[in-house]
Amino acid sequence: MGITSRAGLASVMACMATAASVAPAAAIASAPYVPIAPPLRVLNTVLPFEAPTVNTGMPLPIPGAPNGPRYVKGKLLPTNMVPAIPFDTALPSTHIGTPLPNPLTAGSLETPELVSPDSPLHAATPGANIGAPLGGPRAGLPPLAMPAAGVSAPAVQGNPDATALL
């Protein structure tokens, strides 16, 4: 094996490694979920009818930039001490179908389906605000204040939809 064939082999291997590392990132960028198709065909041996088919996905939450602490004039501690972290993802499209057996013959009538298109989903974790028991700095001793603590509620926004098809 000469130097040129080793260099060619090394360049081919480098291209293959680059393509393998870029492919999952490109798949995640195009669809923020992992497709799932459970193998329900094995149930055909134990069920007296044909097993349903399910095609769906597992959402991959993508964290966003939190709205960090902000200093407010006259307060000792910043507001939004523990910021809420936003997450964006998509609920994947889901297709569930099962053939209806015909009670009069050995065949099936039709295959009704339940179809849910993909839809965006926005969520945020809870955050916290903490107030100091002292007021802002002034000449002399700082004034006393009631300590305060607050928790922001988690938020989920989405628009799921489903349609039954016969």
N, C-alpha and C. Protein backbone atom coordinates (compact mmCIF):
# COMPACT_ATOMS: atom_id res chain seq x y z
N MET A 1 0.85 -1.16 0.00
CA MET A 1 0.00 0.00 0.00
C MET A 1 0.90 1.23 0.00
N GLY A 2 0.73 2.08 -0.98
CA GLY A 2 1.56 3.27 -1.11
C GLY A 2 1.01 4.44 -0.33
N ILE A 3 1.74 5.54 -0.33
CA ILE A 3 1.34 6.73 0.41
C ILE A 3 0.07 7.35 -0.17
N THR A 4 -0.11 7.27 -1.47
CA THR A 4 -1.30 7.88 -2.08
C THR A 4 -2.56 7.10 -1.75
N SER A 5 -2.49 5.78 -1.70
CA SER A 5 -3.69 5.01 -1.36
C SER A 5 -4.05 5.17 0.11
N ARG A 6 -3.07 5.33 1.00
CA ARG A 6 -3.36 5.58 2.41
C ARG A 6 -3.99 6.96 2.59
N ALA A 7 -3.50 7.95 1.86
CA ALA A 7 -4.08 9.29 1.95
C ALA A 7 -5.50 9.29 1.41
N GLY A 8 -5.73 8.55 0.34
CA GLY A 8 -7.09 8.46 -0.21
C GLY A 8 -8.04 7.77 0.76
N LEU A 9 -7.56 6.69 1.38
CA LEU A 9 -8.37 5.98 2.35
C LEU A 9 -8.66 6.86 3.56
N ALA A 10 -7.67 7.61 4.01
CA ALA A 10 -7.86 8.51 5.16
C ALA A 10 -8.87 9.60 4.83
N SER A 11 -8.83 10.15 3.61
CA SER A 11 -9.78 11.20 3.25
C SER A 11 -11.20 10.64 3.14
N VAL A 12 -11.33 9.41 2.61
CA VAL A 12 -12.66 8.78 2.54
C VAL A 12 -13.20 8.54 3.95
N MET A 13 -12.37 8.05 4.86
CA MET A 13 -12.80 7.80 6.23
C MET A 13 -13.17 9.10 6.94
N ALA A 14 -12.43 10.18 6.68
CA ALA A 14 -12.75 11.48 7.27
C ALA A 14 -14.10 11.98 6.76
N CYS A 15 -14.37 11.80 5.45
CA CYS A 15 -15.67 12.21 4.90
C CYS A 15 -16.80 11.40 5.51
N MET A 16 -16.60 10.11 5.70
CA MET A 16 -17.64 9.26 6.28
C MET A 16 -17.90 9.65 7.74
N ALA A 17 -16.85 9.95 8.49
CA ALA A 17 -17.02 10.35 9.89
C ALA A 17 -17.76 11.68 9.98
N THR A 18 -17.45 12.61 9.08
CA THR A 18 -18.13 13.90 9.08
C THR A 18 -19.60 13.73 8.75
N ALA A 19 -19.91 12.92 7.76
CA ALA A 19 -21.30 12.69 7.38
C ALA A 19 -22.08 12.01 8.50
N ALA A 20 -21.44 11.08 9.20
CA ALA A 20 -22.11 10.39 10.31
C ALA A 20 -22.37 11.33 11.48
N SER A 21 -21.49 12.27 11.72
CA SER A 21 -21.69 13.19 12.84
C SER A 21 -22.67 14.30 12.51
N VAL A 22 -22.82 14.65 11.25
CA VAL A 22 -23.72 15.74 10.85
C VAL A 22 -25.14 15.22 10.67
N ALA A 23 -25.34 13.98 10.31
CA ALA A 23 -26.67 13.44 10.01
C ALA A 23 -27.63 13.53 11.21
N PRO A 24 -27.25 13.12 12.44
CA PRO A 24 -28.20 13.26 13.55
C PRO A 24 -28.55 14.70 13.86
N ALA A 25 -27.60 15.61 13.75
CA ALA A 25 -27.88 17.02 14.01
C ALA A 25 -28.85 17.57 12.98
N ALA A 26 -28.70 17.16 11.73
CA ALA A 26 -29.62 17.61 10.69
C ALA A 26 -31.01 17.04 10.91
N ALA A 27 -31.10 15.82 11.39
CA ALA A 27 -32.40 15.21 11.66
C ALA A 27 -33.10 15.92 12.81
N ILE A 28 -32.36 16.29 13.85
CA ILE A 28 -32.96 16.99 14.98
C ILE A 28 -33.39 18.39 14.56
N ALA A 29 -32.61 19.06 13.71
CA ALA A 29 -32.97 20.41 13.29
C ALA A 29 -34.24 20.40 12.45
N SER A 30 -34.46 19.34 11.65
CA SER A 30 -35.64 19.32 10.80
C SER A 30 -36.89 18.90 11.59
N ALA A 31 -36.78 17.98 12.50
CA ALA A 31 -37.92 17.53 13.29
C ALA A 31 -37.46 17.31 14.73
N PRO A 32 -37.99 18.09 15.69
CA PRO A 32 -37.53 17.94 17.08
C PRO A 32 -38.18 16.76 17.80
N TYR A 33 -38.25 15.61 17.12
CA TYR A 33 -38.74 14.41 17.78
C TYR A 33 -38.10 13.19 17.13
N VAL A 34 -38.12 12.10 17.87
CA VAL A 34 -37.57 10.83 17.38
C VAL A 34 -38.75 9.96 16.97
N PRO A 35 -38.77 9.47 15.73
CA PRO A 35 -39.90 8.64 15.30
C PRO A 35 -39.94 7.30 16.05
N ILE A 36 -41.17 6.87 16.37
CA ILE A 36 -41.38 5.61 17.08
C ILE A 36 -42.47 4.84 16.34
N ALA A 37 -42.21 3.59 16.05
CA ALA A 37 -43.20 2.69 15.47
C ALA A 37 -43.15 1.38 16.24
N PRO A 38 -43.98 1.23 17.28
CA PRO A 38 -43.93 0.02 18.08
C PRO A 38 -44.30 -1.21 17.24
N PRO A 39 -43.58 -2.31 17.42
CA PRO A 39 -43.86 -3.52 16.64
C PRO A 39 -45.05 -4.29 17.23
N LEU A 40 -46.25 -3.91 16.85
CA LEU A 40 -47.45 -4.56 17.38
C LEU A 40 -47.89 -5.76 16.55
N ARG A 41 -47.19 -6.06 15.45
CA ARG A 41 -47.55 -7.20 14.60
C ARG A 41 -47.41 -8.53 15.36
N VAL A 42 -46.58 -8.57 16.39
CA VAL A 42 -46.42 -9.81 17.16
C VAL A 42 -47.69 -10.16 17.91
N LEU A 43 -48.60 -9.20 18.10
CA LEU A 43 -49.86 -9.48 18.78
C LEU A 43 -50.83 -10.27 17.91
N ASN A 44 -50.54 -10.37 16.61
CA ASN A 44 -51.43 -11.10 15.71
C ASN A 44 -51.55 -12.57 16.10
N THR A 45 -50.56 -13.10 16.77
CA THR A 45 -50.61 -14.52 17.16
C THR A 45 -51.53 -14.76 18.36
N VAL A 46 -51.77 -13.75 19.19
CA VAL A 46 -52.60 -13.95 20.38
C VAL A 46 -53.96 -13.26 20.28
N LEU A 47 -54.11 -12.28 19.40
CA LEU A 47 -55.39 -11.59 19.25
C LEU A 47 -56.25 -12.29 18.21
N PRO A 48 -57.57 -12.30 18.39
CA PRO A 48 -58.44 -12.93 17.39
C PRO A 48 -58.69 -12.02 16.18
N PHE A 49 -58.09 -10.85 16.18
CA PHE A 49 -58.21 -9.92 15.06
C PHE A 49 -56.83 -9.36 14.76
N GLU A 50 -56.72 -8.60 13.67
CA GLU A 50 -55.43 -8.04 13.27
C GLU A 50 -55.02 -6.92 14.23
N ALA A 51 -53.76 -6.87 14.57
CA ALA A 51 -53.25 -5.89 15.53
C ALA A 51 -53.28 -4.48 14.94
N PRO A 52 -53.46 -3.48 15.78
CA PRO A 52 -53.44 -2.10 15.28
C PRO A 52 -52.02 -1.67 14.91
N THR A 53 -51.95 -0.60 14.13
CA THR A 53 -50.65 -0.01 13.78
C THR A 53 -50.56 1.36 14.44
N VAL A 54 -49.39 1.67 14.96
CA VAL A 54 -49.16 2.95 15.62
C VAL A 54 -47.87 3.53 15.08
N ASN A 55 -47.93 4.75 14.59
CA ASN A 55 -46.74 5.50 14.17
C ASN A 55 -46.78 6.85 14.87
N THR A 56 -45.80 7.13 15.66
CA THR A 56 -45.76 8.39 16.41
C THR A 56 -44.30 8.79 16.62
N GLY A 57 -44.04 9.63 17.58
CA GLY A 57 -42.69 10.07 17.87
C GLY A 57 -42.55 10.51 19.32
N MET A 58 -41.32 10.62 19.75
CA MET A 58 -41.01 11.10 21.10
C MET A 58 -40.46 12.50 20.99
N PRO A 59 -41.12 13.51 21.57
CA PRO A 59 -40.63 14.89 21.45
C PRO A 59 -39.26 15.07 22.11
N LEU A 60 -38.42 15.88 21.49
CA LEU A 60 -37.13 16.24 22.06
C LEU A 60 -37.19 17.72 22.46
N PRO A 61 -37.30 18.00 23.75
CA PRO A 61 -37.37 19.40 24.17
C PRO A 61 -36.05 20.11 23.93
N ILE A 62 -36.12 21.29 23.35
CA ILE A 62 -34.93 22.10 23.06
C ILE A 62 -34.98 23.31 23.99
N PRO A 63 -34.06 23.40 24.95
CA PRO A 63 -34.11 24.52 25.90
C PRO A 63 -33.75 25.83 25.22
N GLY A 64 -34.44 26.87 25.65
CA GLY A 64 -34.16 28.21 25.15
C GLY A 64 -33.34 29.00 26.16
N ALA A 65 -33.13 30.25 25.88
CA ALA A 65 -32.36 31.12 26.77
C ALA A 65 -33.26 31.63 27.89
N PRO A 66 -32.87 31.43 29.14
CA PRO A 66 -33.70 31.92 30.24
C PRO A 66 -33.63 33.44 30.35
N ASN A 67 -34.71 34.00 30.87
CA ASN A 67 -34.77 35.44 31.13
C ASN A 67 -34.09 35.65 32.48
N GLY A 68 -32.81 35.94 32.47
CA GLY A 68 -31.98 35.96 33.67
C GLY A 68 -32.35 37.04 34.68
N PRO A 69 -31.65 37.04 35.81
CA PRO A 69 -31.92 38.02 36.86
C PRO A 69 -31.71 39.46 36.37
N ARG A 70 -32.58 40.35 36.84
CA ARG A 70 -32.50 41.77 36.50
C ARG A 70 -32.43 42.59 37.79
N TYR A 71 -31.57 43.55 37.79
CA TYR A 71 -31.46 44.41 38.96
C TYR A 71 -32.44 45.57 38.83
N VAL A 72 -33.16 45.83 39.91
CA VAL A 72 -34.14 46.90 39.96
C VAL A 72 -33.63 47.93 40.96
N LYS A 73 -33.73 49.18 40.59
CA LYS A 73 -33.24 50.25 41.46
C LYS A 73 -34.01 50.26 42.78
N GLY A 74 -33.29 50.29 43.87
CA GLY A 74 -33.89 50.33 45.19
C GLY A 74 -34.04 48.97 45.84
N LYS A 75 -33.71 47.87 45.16
CA LYS A 75 -33.82 46.54 45.75
C LYS A 75 -32.43 45.96 45.92
N LEU A 76 -32.25 45.19 47.00
CA LEU A 76 -30.96 44.58 47.28
C LEU A 76 -30.69 43.39 46.37
N LEU A 77 -31.68 42.55 46.19
CA LEU A 77 -31.53 41.36 45.36
C LEU A 77 -32.20 41.57 44.01
N PRO A 78 -31.68 40.94 42.98
CA PRO A 78 -32.32 41.10 41.66
C PRO A 78 -33.64 40.34 41.59
N THR A 79 -34.50 40.78 40.70
CA THR A 79 -35.74 40.04 40.46
C THR A 79 -35.42 38.86 39.55
N ASN A 80 -36.28 37.87 39.59
CA ASN A 80 -36.10 36.68 38.76
C ASN A 80 -34.80 35.95 39.14
N MET A 81 -34.62 35.72 40.46
CA MET A 81 -33.39 35.08 40.95
C MET A 81 -33.17 33.70 40.35
N VAL A 82 -34.22 32.89 40.30
CA VAL A 82 -34.15 31.58 39.64
C VAL A 82 -35.03 31.70 38.40
N PRO A 83 -34.42 31.92 37.25
CA PRO A 83 -35.24 32.18 36.06
C PRO A 83 -35.94 30.93 35.55
N ALA A 84 -37.10 31.15 34.93
CA ALA A 84 -37.82 30.07 34.27
C ALA A 84 -37.12 29.77 32.95
N ILE A 85 -36.94 28.50 32.64
CA ILE A 85 -36.25 28.09 31.41
C ILE A 85 -37.29 27.67 30.38
N PRO A 86 -37.35 28.34 29.24
CA PRO A 86 -38.32 27.95 28.21
C PRO A 86 -37.83 26.75 27.40
N PHE A 87 -38.77 25.92 26.97
CA PHE A 87 -38.49 24.77 26.12
C PHE A 87 -39.42 24.83 24.92
N ASP A 88 -38.88 24.56 23.76
CA ASP A 88 -39.69 24.47 22.54
C ASP A 88 -39.52 23.09 21.95
N THR A 89 -40.59 22.53 21.47
CA THR A 89 -40.56 21.24 20.81
C THR A 89 -41.81 21.14 19.94
N ALA A 90 -42.03 20.00 19.39
CA ALA A 90 -43.23 19.76 18.58
C ALA A 90 -43.82 18.42 18.99
N LEU A 91 -45.14 18.41 19.12
CA LEU A 91 -45.81 17.14 19.32
C LEU A 91 -45.84 16.45 17.96
N PRO A 92 -45.29 15.26 17.84
CA PRO A 92 -45.19 14.62 16.53
C PRO A 92 -46.55 14.16 16.02
N SER A 93 -46.62 13.97 14.73
CA SER A 93 -47.86 13.45 14.15
C SER A 93 -48.01 11.98 14.57
N THR A 94 -49.23 11.60 14.83
CA THR A 94 -49.52 10.25 15.28
C THR A 94 -50.60 9.64 14.40
N HIS A 95 -50.37 8.40 13.97
CA HIS A 95 -51.34 7.66 13.16
C HIS A 95 -51.60 6.33 13.87
N ILE A 96 -52.86 6.10 14.22
CA ILE A 96 -53.27 4.85 14.83
C ILE A 96 -54.37 4.26 13.94
N GLY A 97 -54.18 3.06 13.49
CA GLY A 97 -55.17 2.42 12.63
C GLY A 97 -55.32 0.96 12.98
N THR A 98 -56.54 0.48 12.87
CA THR A 98 -56.79 -0.94 13.10
C THR A 98 -57.89 -1.40 12.16
N PRO A 99 -57.69 -2.51 11.48
CA PRO A 99 -58.74 -3.01 10.60
C PRO A 99 -59.90 -3.58 11.40
N LEU A 100 -61.11 -3.28 10.96
CA LEU A 100 -62.30 -3.83 11.62
C LEU A 100 -62.64 -5.18 10.99
N PRO A 101 -62.74 -6.22 11.79
CA PRO A 101 -63.09 -7.52 11.21
C PRO A 101 -64.56 -7.55 10.78
N ASN A 102 -64.83 -8.22 9.69
CA ASN A 102 -66.20 -8.38 9.21
C ASN A 102 -66.79 -9.60 9.90
N PRO A 103 -67.90 -9.44 10.63
CA PRO A 103 -68.45 -10.59 11.35
C PRO A 103 -69.09 -11.63 10.43
N LEU A 104 -69.40 -11.24 9.19
CA LEU A 104 -70.08 -12.17 8.29
C LEU A 104 -69.11 -12.97 7.42
N THR A 105 -67.95 -12.39 7.12
CA THR A 105 -66.97 -13.09 6.28
C THR A 105 -65.62 -13.11 6.99
N ALA A 106 -64.65 -13.69 6.35
CA ALA A 106 -63.31 -13.78 6.95
C ALA A 106 -62.49 -12.52 6.73
N GLY A 107 -62.96 -11.59 5.92
CA GLY A 107 -62.19 -10.38 5.61
C GLY A 107 -62.41 -9.28 6.64
N SER A 108 -62.00 -8.09 6.27
CA SER A 108 -62.18 -6.95 7.15
C SER A 108 -63.02 -5.88 6.43
N LEU A 109 -63.70 -5.05 7.21
CA LEU A 109 -64.55 -4.01 6.64
C LEU A 109 -63.71 -2.86 6.10
N GLU A 110 -63.16 -2.11 6.98
CA GLU A 110 -62.29 -0.98 6.62
C GLU A 110 -61.26 -0.82 7.71
N THR A 111 -60.38 0.16 7.53
CA THR A 111 -59.37 0.46 8.53
C THR A 111 -59.59 1.89 9.03
N PRO A 112 -60.30 2.07 10.14
CA PRO A 112 -60.44 3.42 10.68
C PRO A 112 -59.11 3.88 11.27
N GLU A 113 -58.85 5.15 11.16
CA GLU A 113 -57.60 5.72 11.67
C GLU A 113 -57.88 6.92 12.55
N LEU A 114 -57.04 7.10 13.51
CA LEU A 114 -57.02 8.30 14.33
C LEU A 114 -55.72 9.01 13.99
N VAL A 115 -55.85 10.22 13.44
CA VAL A 115 -54.69 10.96 12.96
C VAL A 115 -54.57 12.27 13.74
N SER A 116 -53.39 12.50 14.25
CA SER A 116 -53.09 13.75 14.95
C SER A 116 -51.89 14.40 14.26
N PRO A 117 -52.07 15.58 13.65
CA PRO A 117 -50.93 16.22 12.98
C PRO A 117 -49.95 16.80 14.00
N ASP A 118 -48.72 17.02 13.56
CA ASP A 118 -47.74 17.59 14.48
C ASP A 118 -48.10 19.05 14.76
N SER A 119 -47.81 19.47 15.98
CA SER A 119 -48.12 20.83 16.41
C SER A 119 -47.02 21.32 17.35
N PRO A 120 -46.77 22.62 17.34
CA PRO A 120 -45.71 23.15 18.22
C PRO A 120 -46.15 23.12 19.68
N LEU A 121 -45.16 23.01 20.55
CA LEU A 121 -45.39 22.99 21.99
C LEU A 121 -44.36 23.89 22.65
N HIS A 122 -44.82 24.79 23.49
CA HIS A 122 -43.94 25.70 24.23
C HIS A 122 -44.19 25.46 25.72
N ALA A 123 -43.12 25.31 26.48
CA ALA A 123 -43.23 25.07 27.92
C ALA A 123 -42.17 25.89 28.65
N ALA A 124 -42.41 26.15 29.92
CA ALA A 124 -41.43 26.87 30.75
C ALA A 124 -41.44 26.25 32.14
N THR A 125 -40.25 26.11 32.70
CA THR A 125 -40.12 25.58 34.06
C THR A 125 -40.51 26.65 35.07
N PRO A 126 -40.78 26.27 36.30
CA PRO A 126 -41.08 27.30 37.31
C PRO A 126 -39.84 28.12 37.63
N GLY A 127 -40.04 29.35 38.02
CA GLY A 127 -38.96 30.24 38.45
C GLY A 127 -39.23 30.73 39.86
N ALA A 128 -38.30 31.47 40.43
CA ALA A 128 -38.47 31.96 41.80
C ALA A 128 -37.95 33.38 41.94
N ASN A 129 -38.62 34.15 42.79
CA ASN A 129 -38.20 35.49 43.18
C ASN A 129 -38.01 35.50 44.68
N ILE A 130 -36.95 36.14 45.14
CA ILE A 130 -36.67 36.22 46.56
C ILE A 130 -36.42 37.68 46.91
N GLY A 131 -37.08 38.14 47.96
CA GLY A 131 -36.88 39.51 48.42
C GLY A 131 -36.08 39.54 49.70
N ALA A 132 -35.13 40.44 49.80
CA ALA A 132 -34.27 40.54 50.98
C ALA A 132 -35.02 41.20 52.14
N PRO A 133 -34.64 40.87 53.39
CA PRO A 133 -35.30 41.50 54.53
C PRO A 133 -34.80 42.92 54.80
N LEU A 134 -33.89 43.42 53.98
CA LEU A 134 -33.39 44.78 54.13
C LEU A 134 -33.73 45.58 52.89
N GLY A 135 -33.89 46.89 53.06
CA GLY A 135 -34.13 47.77 51.93
C GLY A 135 -32.81 48.14 51.26
N GLY A 136 -32.90 48.99 50.26
CA GLY A 136 -31.72 49.43 49.52
C GLY A 136 -30.79 50.27 50.37
N PRO A 137 -29.54 50.41 49.94
CA PRO A 137 -28.58 51.20 50.73
C PRO A 137 -28.96 52.68 50.76
N ARG A 138 -28.85 53.27 51.95
CA ARG A 138 -29.12 54.70 52.15
C ARG A 138 -28.14 55.21 53.21
N ALA A 139 -28.20 56.46 53.49
CA ALA A 139 -27.36 57.01 54.55
C ALA A 139 -27.87 56.47 55.89
N GLY A 140 -27.01 55.91 56.67
CA GLY A 140 -27.39 55.31 57.94
C GLY A 140 -27.74 53.85 57.77
N LEU A 141 -28.56 53.35 58.65
CA LEU A 141 -28.97 51.94 58.58
C LEU A 141 -30.03 51.74 57.50
N PRO A 142 -29.95 50.61 56.78
CA PRO A 142 -31.00 50.34 55.78
C PRO A 142 -32.32 50.00 56.46
N PRO A 143 -33.42 50.36 55.84
CA PRO A 143 -34.73 50.05 56.45
C PRO A 143 -35.03 48.55 56.38
N LEU A 144 -35.76 48.07 57.38
CA LEU A 144 -36.17 46.67 57.39
C LEU A 144 -37.41 46.50 56.51
N ALA A 145 -37.48 45.37 55.87
CA ALA A 145 -38.63 45.05 55.03
C ALA A 145 -39.03 43.60 55.28
N MET A 146 -40.26 43.28 54.98
CA MET A 146 -40.72 41.90 55.13
C MET A 146 -40.05 41.04 54.07
N PRO A 147 -39.46 39.90 54.46
CA PRO A 147 -38.88 39.02 53.45
C PRO A 147 -40.00 38.48 52.56
N ALA A 148 -39.70 38.36 51.31
CA ALA A 148 -40.70 37.88 50.35
C ALA A 148 -40.10 36.79 49.48
N ALA A 149 -40.94 35.85 49.12
CA ALA A 149 -40.53 34.79 48.19
C ALA A 149 -41.73 34.46 47.32
N GLY A 150 -41.45 34.22 46.07
CA GLY A 150 -42.52 33.89 45.14
C GLY A 150 -42.06 32.88 44.12
N VAL A 151 -42.98 32.08 43.65
CA VAL A 151 -42.67 31.07 42.64
C VAL A 151 -43.56 31.33 41.43
N SER A 152 -42.95 31.38 40.26
CA SER A 152 -43.75 31.52 39.04
C SER A 152 -44.20 30.14 38.59
N ALA A 153 -45.41 30.06 38.15
CA ALA A 153 -45.99 28.77 37.76
C ALA A 153 -45.39 28.27 36.45
N PRO A 154 -45.27 26.96 36.30
CA PRO A 154 -44.83 26.44 35.00
C PRO A 154 -45.91 26.69 33.96
N ALA A 155 -45.50 26.79 32.71
CA ALA A 155 -46.45 27.09 31.63
C ALA A 155 -46.29 26.09 30.50
N VAL A 156 -47.41 25.69 29.93
CA VAL A 156 -47.41 24.81 28.76
C VAL A 156 -48.43 25.37 27.77
N GLN A 157 -47.98 25.59 26.54
CA GLN A 157 -48.87 26.07 25.49
C GLN A 157 -48.73 25.15 24.28
N GLY A 158 -49.84 24.70 23.79
CA GLY A 158 -49.83 23.83 22.62
C GLY A 158 -51.18 23.85 21.96
N ASN A 159 -51.29 23.22 20.81
CA ASN A 159 -52.54 23.17 20.08
C ASN A 159 -52.70 21.78 19.47
N PRO A 160 -52.88 20.74 20.32
CA PRO A 160 -53.03 19.40 19.76
C PRO A 160 -54.40 19.26 19.10
N ASP A 161 -54.45 18.43 18.09
CA ASP A 161 -55.67 18.23 17.34
C ASP A 161 -55.68 16.77 16.87
N ALA A 162 -56.85 16.19 16.71
CA ALA A 162 -56.96 14.83 16.22
C ALA A 162 -58.18 14.71 15.32
N THR A 163 -58.09 13.82 14.34
CA THR A 163 -59.18 13.58 13.41
C THR A 163 -59.36 12.07 13.26
N ALA A 164 -60.61 11.64 13.27
CA ALA A 164 -60.92 10.24 13.05
C ALA A 164 -61.28 10.06 11.57
N LEU A 165 -60.62 9.14 10.92
CA LEU A 165 -60.88 8.87 9.49
C LEU A 165 -61.44 7.47 9.33
N LEU A 166 -62.46 7.34 8.49
CA LEU A 166 -63.01 6.01 8.18
C LEU A 166 -62.76 5.66 6.76
